[in-house]
Amino acid sequence: MSRNILFTLSLVVIWIMFSCSPERKLAKQFVGTVTKPSLLVLMPSTIFKENLKVPEGEVPDSLTQAVIIDKLIDSVVLNRFNASYVKELRNYGLQVFQDASVADFMNVDSNAWVVNIAQIELQEYVTTYVDTQEVLGMEYSYDVPLNGVNSAYWFEFSRINAPENTKPEVMFAANDLYDQFDGKLNFDIFTGVINYYLQSDTITESDFYRQIDFSARLYAGYTFDYLMNNYIGTNLTNDLQMRRYFRYDPYQKSIFVTEVDKFIPLNQ
């Protein structure tokens, strides 16, 4: 039997082992047949905003002036994130309550969680992208300055009726939004000079709000995954230990292992 056939058979055996693992079976149970948890989602009242372009102690000038964070209205950002986050959680089949329905939430069964989005922080900064292109067989590079906005989120997960003195689990997620640009190196045959032509589209408020909507939907997926993996870890038999983290794709109806596409735990 050739090495290629042996290698292929080995991959098939490994795939069968993983697809039939107790962890994956529990993940399928959570997605398919288990009654999903109820969630009380709490939002912060304000957002922390910081312009990192300005050196500490200095007054901003025309170059270090914030592009968008000074124009953003906290209530608009929070309302957009909240609306997209809650809508996507419900699309995953979760029952979601908010501030106005706390009394109703207190009447649900013990399979319930409080998800407190404890803090949202926005930081605007300048970064450099090195654009490398080839001209006449030689590589040239140009440093492109870009405005960037980092959006950071802290999620606290608390299970209702958890053992006394159980602390909330704090999860972190962040993403960055940058200016869009189109740069092109051009060789002038008459002068022998290579010029770099740059066209930039600076971040706008509309760009940022679209990013907020995307982030909210993504982190709703991360929230579902957190609950699913908690269910897996809780229901594994005593002699088994959870070693992998699973993600669920509701569009492809698939469950897969991930290393980085998930919340980052902060209190472990």
C-alpha atoms as a PDB file:
ATOM      1  CA  MET A   1       0.000   0.000   0.000  1.00  0.00           C
ATOM      2  CA  SER A   2       1.458   3.363  -1.013  1.00  0.00           C
ATOM      3  CA  ARG A   3       2.344   6.075   1.462  1.00  0.00           C
ATOM      4  CA  ASN A   4      -0.269   8.405  -0.032  1.00  0.00           C
ATOM      5  CA  ILE A   5      -3.047   5.876   0.574  1.00  0.00           C
ATOM      6  CA  LEU A   6      -1.861   5.254   4.138  1.00  0.00           C
ATOM      7  CA  PHE A   7      -1.737   8.986   4.784  1.00  0.00           C
ATOM      8  CA  THR A   8      -5.263   9.440   3.390  1.00  0.00           C
ATOM      9  CA  LEU A   9      -6.610   6.572   5.500  1.00  0.00           C
ATOM     10  CA  SER A  10      -4.976   8.067   8.594  1.00  0.00           C
ATOM     11  CA  LEU A  11      -6.670  11.400   7.951  1.00  0.00           C
ATOM     12  CA  VAL A  12     -10.033   9.654   7.518  1.00  0.00           C
ATOM     13  CA  VAL A  13      -9.588   7.781  10.821  1.00  0.00           C
ATOM     14  CA  ILE A  14      -8.628  10.994  12.648  1.00  0.00           C
ATOM     15  CA  TRP A  15     -11.636  12.817  11.160  1.00  0.00           C
ATOM     16  CA  ILE A  16     -13.988  10.021  12.247  1.00  0.00           C
ATOM     17  CA  MET A  17     -12.536  10.072  15.772  1.00  0.00           C
ATOM     18  CA  PHE A  18     -12.976  13.849  16.071  1.00  0.00           C
ATOM     19  CA  SER A  19     -16.442  13.876  14.479  1.00  0.00           C
ATOM     20  CA  CYS A  20     -17.625  11.253  16.972  1.00  0.00           C
ATOM     21  CA  SER A  21     -15.914  12.746  20.025  1.00  0.00           C
ATOM     22  CA  PRO A  22     -17.983  13.322  23.184  1.00  0.00           C
ATOM     23  CA  GLU A  23     -17.274  17.050  22.934  1.00  0.00           C
ATOM     24  CA  ARG A  24     -18.678  17.312  19.403  1.00  0.00           C
ATOM     25  CA  LYS A  25     -21.719  15.230  20.344  1.00  0.00           C
ATOM     26  CA  LEU A  26     -22.460  17.619  23.200  1.00  0.00           C
ATOM     27  CA  ALA A  27     -21.985  20.602  20.867  1.00  0.00           C
ATOM     28  CA  LYS A  28     -24.547  19.095  18.477  1.00  0.00           C
ATOM     29  CA  GLN A  29     -26.923  18.550  21.384  1.00  0.00           C
ATOM     30  CA  PHE A  30     -26.635  22.189  22.418  1.00  0.00           C
ATOM     31  CA  VAL A  31     -27.251  23.425  18.881  1.00  0.00           C
ATOM     32  CA  GLY A  32     -30.051  20.995  18.100  1.00  0.00           C
ATOM     33  CA  THR A  33     -32.082  19.556  20.948  1.00  0.00           C
ATOM     34  CA  VAL A  34     -31.171  21.241  24.228  1.00  0.00           C
ATOM     35  CA  THR A  35     -33.338  24.102  25.503  1.00  0.00           C
ATOM     36  CA  LYS A  36     -31.210  27.196  25.046  1.00  0.00           C
ATOM     37  CA  PRO A  37     -30.329  29.457  27.997  1.00  0.00           C
ATOM     38  CA  SER A  38     -32.173  32.700  28.636  1.00  0.00           C
ATOM     39  CA  LEU A  39     -30.038  35.835  28.714  1.00  0.00           C
ATOM     40  CA  LEU A  40     -30.333  39.185  30.443  1.00  0.00           C
ATOM     41  CA  VAL A  41     -28.205  41.615  28.411  1.00  0.00           C
ATOM     42  CA  LEU A  42     -26.967  44.734  30.193  1.00  0.00           C
ATOM     43  CA  MET A  43     -25.301  47.648  28.421  1.00  0.00           C
ATOM     44  CA  PRO A  44     -22.978  50.354  29.802  1.00  0.00           C
ATOM     45  CA  SER A  45     -24.270  53.919  30.012  1.00  0.00           C
ATOM     46  CA  THR A  46     -21.181  55.558  28.501  1.00  0.00           C
ATOM     47  CA  ILE A  47     -18.223  54.782  26.267  1.00  0.00           C
ATOM     48  CA  PHE A  48     -14.568  55.510  26.999  1.00  0.00           C
ATOM     49  CA  LYS A  49     -12.948  57.401  24.118  1.00  0.00           C
ATOM     50  CA  GLU A  50      -9.296  58.380  23.733  1.00  0.00           C
ATOM     51  CA  ASN A  51      -7.295  60.094  21.005  1.00  0.00           C
ATOM     52  CA  LEU A  52      -3.870  58.437  21.031  1.00  0.00           C
ATOM     53  CA  LYS A  53      -2.586  60.690  18.242  1.00  0.00           C
ATOM     54  CA  VAL A  54      -1.932  63.457  20.757  1.00  0.00           C
ATOM     55  CA  PRO A  55       1.224  63.052  22.862  1.00  0.00           C
ATOM     56  CA  GLU A  56       0.404  63.191  26.552  1.00  0.00           C
ATOM     57  CA  GLY A  57       0.211  66.735  27.847  1.00  0.00           C
ATOM     58  CA  GLU A  58       0.036  68.355  24.387  1.00  0.00           C
ATOM     59  CA  VAL A  59      -2.811  70.178  22.668  1.00  0.00           C
ATOM     60  CA  PRO A  60      -4.001  68.527  19.412  1.00  0.00           C
ATOM     61  CA  ASP A  61      -3.072  70.308  16.182  1.00  0.00           C
ATOM     62  CA  SER A  62      -4.304  69.778  12.619  1.00  0.00           C
ATOM     63  CA  LEU A  63      -2.293  66.554  12.290  1.00  0.00           C
ATOM     64  CA  THR A  64      -3.261  65.003  15.598  1.00  0.00           C
ATOM     65  CA  GLN A  65      -6.907  66.082  15.603  1.00  0.00           C
ATOM     66  CA  ALA A  66      -9.301  63.155  16.029  1.00  0.00           C
ATOM     67  CA  VAL A  67     -11.023  62.121  12.807  1.00  0.00           C
ATOM     68  CA  ILE A  68     -14.193  60.533  14.172  1.00  0.00           C
ATOM     69  CA  ILE A  69     -14.196  59.632  17.864  1.00  0.00           C
ATOM     70  CA  ASP A  70     -14.994  63.204  18.949  1.00  0.00           C
ATOM     71  CA  LYS A  71     -17.994  63.163  16.609  1.00  0.00           C
ATOM     72  CA  LEU A  72     -19.457  59.890  17.855  1.00  0.00           C
ATOM     73  CA  ILE A  73     -22.490  60.071  20.128  1.00  0.00           C
ATOM     74  CA  ASP A  74     -22.404  57.502  22.936  1.00  0.00           C
ATOM     75  CA  SER A  75     -26.124  56.774  22.821  1.00  0.00           C
ATOM     76  CA  VAL A  76     -26.056  56.139  19.062  1.00  0.00           C
ATOM     77  CA  VAL A  77     -23.102  53.749  19.329  1.00  0.00           C
ATOM     78  CA  LEU A  78     -24.654  51.899  22.275  1.00  0.00           C
ATOM     79  CA  ASN A  79     -28.098  51.660  20.716  1.00  0.00           C
ATOM     80  CA  ARG A  80     -26.734  50.340  17.425  1.00  0.00           C
ATOM     81  CA  PHE A  81     -24.545  47.763  19.122  1.00  0.00           C
ATOM     82  CA  ASN A  82     -27.348  46.694  21.441  1.00  0.00           C
ATOM     83  CA  ALA A  83     -29.923  46.347  18.653  1.00  0.00           C
ATOM     84  CA  SER A  84     -27.633  44.262  16.398  1.00  0.00           C
ATOM     85  CA  TYR A  85     -26.299  42.160  19.290  1.00  0.00           C
ATOM     86  CA  VAL A  86     -29.746  41.273  20.664  1.00  0.00           C
ATOM     87  CA  LYS A  87     -31.225  40.605  17.222  1.00  0.00           C
ATOM     88  CA  GLU A  88     -28.406  38.202  16.349  1.00  0.00           C
ATOM     89  CA  LEU A  89     -28.647  36.409  19.717  1.00  0.00           C
ATOM     90  CA  ARG A  90     -32.330  35.799  18.997  1.00  0.00           C
ATOM     91  CA  ASN A  91     -31.444  34.536  15.526  1.00  0.00           C
ATOM     92  CA  TYR A  92     -29.357  31.878  17.327  1.00  0.00           C
ATOM     93  CA  GLY A  93     -32.481  30.763  19.192  1.00  0.00           C
ATOM     94  CA  LEU A  94     -31.692  32.405  22.527  1.00  0.00           C
ATOM     95  CA  GLN A  95     -34.350  34.113  24.629  1.00  0.00           C
ATOM     96  CA  VAL A  96     -33.087  37.606  25.398  1.00  0.00           C
ATOM     97  CA  PHE A  97     -34.238  40.052  28.069  1.00  0.00           C
ATOM     98  CA  GLN A  98     -33.120  43.623  28.687  1.00  0.00           C
ATOM     99  CA  ASP A  99     -33.402  46.319  31.369  1.00  0.00           C
ATOM    100  CA  ALA A 100     -37.087  46.883  30.748  1.00  0.00           C
ATOM    101  CA  SER A 101     -37.898  43.181  31.185  1.00  0.00           C
ATOM    102  CA  VAL A 102     -35.804  42.277  34.249  1.00  0.00           C
ATOM    103  CA  ALA A 103     -38.926  41.166  36.156  1.00  0.00           C
ATOM    104  CA  ASP A 104     -39.803  38.695  33.392  1.00  0.00           C
ATOM    105  CA  PHE A 105     -36.232  37.420  33.358  1.00  0.00           C
ATOM    106  CA  MET A 106     -36.385  36.661  37.080  1.00  0.00           C
ATOM    107  CA  ASN A 107     -39.279  34.275  36.404  1.00  0.00           C
ATOM    108  CA  VAL A 108     -37.397  32.050  33.940  1.00  0.00           C
ATOM    109  CA  ASP A 109     -35.978  28.679  34.961  1.00  0.00           C
ATOM    110  CA  SER A 110     -32.477  28.154  36.312  1.00  0.00           C
ATOM    111  CA  ASN A 111     -30.925  27.854  32.832  1.00  0.00           C
ATOM    112  CA  ALA A 112     -30.226  31.582  32.633  1.00  0.00           C
ATOM    113  CA  TRP A 113     -27.289  33.930  32.360  1.00  0.00           C
ATOM    114  CA  VAL A 114     -26.581  37.634  32.821  1.00  0.00           C
ATOM    115  CA  VAL A 115     -24.352  39.054  30.075  1.00  0.00           C
ATOM    116  CA  ASN A 116     -23.064  42.413  31.247  1.00  0.00           C
ATOM    117  CA  ILE A 117     -21.190  44.366  28.596  1.00  0.00           C
ATOM    118  CA  ALA A 118     -19.229  46.088  31.297  1.00  0.00           C
ATOM    119  CA  GLN A 119     -17.127  48.437  29.183  1.00  0.00           C
ATOM    120  CA  ILE A 120     -16.666  49.647  25.623  1.00  0.00           C
ATOM    121  CA  GLU A 121     -13.525  51.610  24.808  1.00  0.00           C
ATOM    122  CA  LEU A 122     -12.623  53.398  21.571  1.00  0.00           C
ATOM    123  CA  GLN A 123      -9.092  54.563  20.786  1.00  0.00           C
ATOM    124  CA  GLU A 124      -8.111  56.529  17.700  1.00  0.00           C
ATOM    125  CA  TYR A 125      -4.493  56.379  16.562  1.00  0.00           C
ATOM    126  CA  VAL A 126      -2.172  56.603  13.559  1.00  0.00           C
ATOM    127  CA  THR A 127      -0.414  53.561  12.174  1.00  0.00           C
ATOM    128  CA  THR A 128       1.842  52.911   9.194  1.00  0.00           C
ATOM    129  CA  TYR A 129       1.191  50.385   6.451  1.00  0.00           C
ATOM    130  CA  VAL A 130       4.205  49.429   4.338  1.00  0.00           C
ATOM    131  CA  ASP A 131       2.975  49.110   0.754  1.00  0.00           C
ATOM    132  CA  THR A 132       5.441  46.986  -1.235  1.00  0.00           C
ATOM    133  CA  GLN A 133       5.228  46.798  -5.027  1.00  0.00           C
ATOM    134  CA  GLU A 134       7.437  45.624  -7.856  1.00  0.00           C
ATOM    135  CA  VAL A 135       8.616  47.973 -10.597  1.00  0.00           C
ATOM    136  CA  LEU A 136      10.922  46.798 -13.392  1.00  0.00           C
ATOM    137  CA  GLY A 137      11.822  43.668 -11.455  1.00  0.00           C
ATOM    138  CA  MET A 138      12.767  45.578  -8.299  1.00  0.00           C
ATOM    139  CA  GLU A 139      10.780  45.787  -5.063  1.00  0.00           C
ATOM    140  CA  TYR A 140      10.020  49.228  -3.666  1.00  0.00           C
ATOM    141  CA  SER A 141       8.096  50.155  -0.551  1.00  0.00           C
ATOM    142  CA  TYR A 142       6.257  53.210   0.672  1.00  0.00           C
ATOM    143  CA  ASP A 143       5.100  53.991   4.211  1.00  0.00           C
ATOM    144  CA  VAL A 144       1.408  54.859   4.146  1.00  0.00           C
ATOM    145  CA  PRO A 145       0.097  56.660   7.266  1.00  0.00           C
ATOM    146  CA  LEU A 146      -3.400  55.483   8.204  1.00  0.00           C
ATOM    147  CA  ASN A 147      -5.931  56.570  10.771  1.00  0.00           C
ATOM    148  CA  GLY A 148      -7.144  53.662  12.868  1.00  0.00           C
ATOM    149  CA  VAL A 149      -9.848  53.135  15.489  1.00  0.00           C
ATOM    150  CA  ASN A 150      -9.645  50.261  17.958  1.00  0.00           C
ATOM    151  CA  SER A 151     -12.936  49.136  19.498  1.00  0.00           C
ATOM    152  CA  ALA A 152     -12.551  47.052  22.668  1.00  0.00           C
ATOM    153  CA  TYR A 153     -15.306  45.225  24.577  1.00  0.00           C
ATOM    154  CA  TRP A 154     -15.443  43.572  27.999  1.00  0.00           C
ATOM    155  CA  PHE A 155     -18.194  40.966  28.573  1.00  0.00           C
ATOM    156  CA  GLU A 156     -19.030  39.604  32.043  1.00  0.00           C
ATOM    157  CA  PHE A 157     -20.871  36.262  32.111  1.00  0.00           C
ATOM    158  CA  SER A 158     -22.715  35.311  35.307  1.00  0.00           C
ATOM    159  CA  ARG A 159     -24.834  32.182  35.599  1.00  0.00           C
ATOM    160  CA  ILE A 160     -28.022  32.441  37.638  1.00  0.00           C
ATOM    161  CA  ASN A 161     -28.059  30.080  40.628  1.00  0.00           C
ATOM    162  CA  ALA A 162     -24.319  29.455  40.350  1.00  0.00           C
ATOM    163  CA  PRO A 163     -22.553  28.297  43.545  1.00  0.00           C
ATOM    164  CA  GLU A 164     -22.072  31.029  46.128  1.00  0.00           C
ATOM    165  CA  ASN A 165     -18.976  33.238  45.679  1.00  0.00           C
ATOM    166  CA  THR A 166     -18.715  32.312  41.979  1.00  0.00           C
ATOM    167  CA  LYS A 167     -17.172  35.279  40.201  1.00  0.00           C
ATOM    168  CA  PRO A 168     -18.316  36.410  36.718  1.00  0.00           C
ATOM    169  CA  GLU A 169     -16.151  35.232  33.843  1.00  0.00           C
ATOM    170  CA  VAL A 170     -14.728  38.218  31.986  1.00  0.00           C
ATOM    171  CA  MET A 171     -14.293  37.879  28.215  1.00  0.00           C
ATOM    172  CA  PHE A 172     -12.573  40.365  25.905  1.00  0.00           C
ATOM    173  CA  ALA A 173     -12.838  41.113  22.203  1.00  0.00           C
ATOM    174  CA  ALA A 174     -11.494  43.913  20.011  1.00  0.00           C
ATOM    175  CA  ASN A 175     -11.199  44.944  16.382  1.00  0.00           C
ATOM    176  CA  ASP A 176      -9.648  47.718  14.307  1.00  0.00           C
ATOM    177  CA  LEU A 177     -10.957  49.920  11.500  1.00  0.00           C
ATOM    178  CA  TYR A 178      -8.566  51.754   9.157  1.00  0.00           C
ATOM    179  CA  ASP A 179      -8.613  54.311   6.364  1.00  0.00           C
ATOM    180  CA  GLN A 180      -8.991  52.768   2.931  1.00  0.00           C
ATOM    181  CA  PHE A 181      -6.323  53.644   0.360  1.00  0.00           C
ATOM    182  CA  ASP A 182      -5.140  52.918  -3.156  1.00  0.00           C
ATOM    183  CA  GLY A 183      -1.434  53.367  -3.787  1.00  0.00           C
ATOM    184  CA  LYS A 184       0.494  52.894  -7.008  1.00  0.00           C
ATOM    185  CA  LEU A 185       4.188  53.140  -7.858  1.00  0.00           C
ATOM    186  CA  ASN A 186       4.904  54.615 -11.256  1.00  0.00           C
ATOM    187  CA  PHE A 187       8.195  54.772 -13.197  1.00  0.00           C
ATOM    188  CA  ASP A 188       8.709  57.937 -15.225  1.00  0.00           C
ATOM    189  CA  ILE A 189      10.709  56.861 -18.287  1.00  0.00           C
ATOM    190  CA  PHE A 190      11.738  60.462 -19.049  1.00  0.00           C
ATOM    191  CA  THR A 191      13.206  61.320 -15.665  1.00  0.00           C
ATOM    192  CA  GLY A 192      14.007  57.833 -14.365  1.00  0.00           C
ATOM    193  CA  VAL A 193      12.194  58.731 -11.148  1.00  0.00           C
ATOM    194  CA  ILE A 194       9.776  56.386  -9.375  1.00  0.00           C
ATOM    195  CA  ASN A 195       6.798  58.191  -7.879  1.00  0.00           C
ATOM    196  CA  TYR A 196       4.183  56.878  -5.486  1.00  0.00           C
ATOM    197  CA  TYR A 197       0.620  58.051  -6.042  1.00  0.00           C
ATOM    198  CA  LEU A 198      -1.685  57.706  -3.068  1.00  0.00           C
ATOM    199  CA  GLN A 199      -5.445  58.094  -2.882  1.00  0.00           C
ATOM    200  CA  SER A 200      -6.958  57.776   0.594  1.00  0.00           C
ATOM    201  CA  ASP A 201     -10.495  57.507   1.913  1.00  0.00           C
ATOM    202  CA  THR A 202     -10.506  58.635   5.528  1.00  0.00           C
ATOM    203  CA  ILE A 203     -12.658  56.755   8.026  1.00  0.00           C
ATOM    204  CA  THR A 204     -16.135  58.244   8.308  1.00  0.00           C
ATOM    205  CA  GLU A 205     -18.804  57.978  10.978  1.00  0.00           C
ATOM    206  CA  SER A 206     -20.853  55.800   8.612  1.00  0.00           C
ATOM    207  CA  ASP A 207     -17.879  53.427   8.231  1.00  0.00           C
ATOM    208  CA  PHE A 208     -17.598  53.144  11.989  1.00  0.00           C
ATOM    209  CA  TYR A 209     -21.319  52.515  12.528  1.00  0.00           C
ATOM    210  CA  ARG A 210     -21.231  49.716   9.951  1.00  0.00           C
ATOM    211  CA  GLN A 211     -18.273  48.271  11.863  1.00  0.00           C
ATOM    212  CA  ILE A 212     -20.297  48.466  15.083  1.00  0.00           C
ATOM    213  CA  ASP A 213     -23.117  46.471  13.472  1.00  0.00           C
ATOM    214  CA  PHE A 214     -20.645  43.848  12.242  1.00  0.00           C
ATOM    215  CA  SER A 215     -18.929  43.618  15.642  1.00  0.00           C
ATOM    216  CA  ALA A 216     -22.246  43.171  17.441  1.00  0.00           C
ATOM    217  CA  ARG A 217     -23.268  40.269  15.190  1.00  0.00           C
ATOM    218  CA  LEU A 218     -19.836  38.650  15.494  1.00  0.00           C
ATOM    219  CA  TYR A 219     -19.803  38.906  19.290  1.00  0.00           C
ATOM    220  CA  ALA A 220     -23.337  37.527  19.466  1.00  0.00           C
ATOM    221  CA  GLY A 221     -21.879  34.468  17.739  1.00  0.00           C
ATOM    222  CA  TYR A 222     -19.021  34.419  20.241  1.00  0.00           C
ATOM    223  CA  THR A 223     -21.610  34.602  23.042  1.00  0.00           C
ATOM    224  CA  PHE A 224     -23.466  31.583  21.657  1.00  0.00           C
ATOM    225  CA  ASP A 225     -20.145  29.737  21.357  1.00  0.00           C
ATOM    226  CA  TYR A 226     -19.262  30.617  24.959  1.00  0.00           C
ATOM    227  CA  LEU A 227     -22.552  29.142  26.174  1.00  0.00           C
ATOM    228  CA  MET A 228     -22.137  26.077  23.959  1.00  0.00           C
ATOM    229  CA  ASN A 229     -18.622  25.389  25.226  1.00  0.00           C
ATOM    230  CA  ASN A 230     -19.752  25.915  28.807  1.00  0.00           C
ATOM    231  CA  TYR A 231     -22.457  23.292  28.198  1.00  0.00           C
ATOM    232  CA  ILE A 232     -19.848  20.909  26.772  1.00  0.00           C
ATOM    233  CA  GLY A 233     -17.467  21.348  29.709  1.00  0.00           C
ATOM    234  CA  THR A 234     -20.259  20.982  32.264  1.00  0.00           C
ATOM    235  CA  ASN A 235     -21.657  17.780  30.752  1.00  0.00           C
ATOM    236  CA  LEU A 236     -18.455  15.870  30.017  1.00  0.00           C
ATOM    237  CA  THR A 237     -18.038  12.829  32.225  1.00  0.00           C
ATOM    238  CA  ASN A 238     -15.633  13.125  35.141  1.00  0.00           C
ATOM    239  CA  ASP A 239     -12.837  11.186  33.440  1.00  0.00           C
ATOM    240  CA  LEU A 240     -12.809  13.490  30.396  1.00  0.00           C
ATOM    241  CA  GLN A 241     -11.377  16.987  30.186  1.00  0.00           C
ATOM    242  CA  MET A 242     -12.335  19.515  27.551  1.00  0.00           C
ATOM    243  CA  ARG A 243      -9.344  20.241  25.349  1.00  0.00           C
ATOM    244  CA  ARG A 244     -10.808  22.045  22.330  1.00  0.00           C
ATOM    245  CA  TYR A 245     -12.968  25.104  21.781  1.00  0.00           C
ATOM    246  CA  PHE A 246     -15.846  24.877  19.296  1.00  0.00           C
ATOM    247  CA  ARG A 247     -17.534  27.419  17.054  1.00  0.00           C
ATOM    248  CA  TYR A 248     -20.944  27.135  15.453  1.00  0.00           C
ATOM    249  CA  ASP A 249     -21.693  28.551  11.993  1.00  0.00           C
ATOM    250  CA  PRO A 250     -25.483  29.045  11.759  1.00  0.00           C
ATOM    251  CA  TYR A 251     -25.339  29.727   8.024  1.00  0.00           C
ATOM    252  CA  GLN A 252     -23.467  26.545   7.089  1.00  0.00           C
ATOM    253  CA  LYS A 253     -25.007  24.618  10.017  1.00  0.00           C
ATOM    254  CA  SER A 254     -21.533  23.412  10.923  1.00  0.00           C
ATOM    255  CA  ILE A 255     -19.520  22.976  14.117  1.00  0.00           C
ATOM    256  CA  PHE A 256     -15.749  23.338  13.983  1.00  0.00           C
ATOM    257  CA  VAL A 257     -12.742  23.768  16.247  1.00  0.00           C
ATOM    258  CA  THR A 258     -11.173  27.207  16.564  1.00  0.00           C
ATOM    259  CA  GLU A 259      -7.998  28.474  18.202  1.00  0.00           C
ATOM    260  CA  VAL A 260      -8.355  32.236  17.872  1.00  0.00           C
ATOM    261  CA  ASP A 261     -11.817  33.111  16.500  1.00  0.00           C
ATOM    262  CA  LYS A 262     -13.454  33.530  19.901  1.00  0.00           C
ATOM    263  CA  PHE A 263     -13.566  35.627  23.070  1.00  0.00           C
ATOM    264  CA  ILE A 264     -10.306  36.046  25.000  1.00  0.00           C
ATOM    265  CA  PRO A 265     -10.728  35.063  28.692  1.00  0.00           C
ATOM    266  CA  LEU A 266      -9.236  37.623  31.085  1.00  0.00           C
ATOM    267  CA  ASN A 267      -9.583  35.931  34.476  1.00  0.00           C
ATOM    268  CA  GLN A 268      -7.998  32.555  33.877  1.00  0.00           C
END
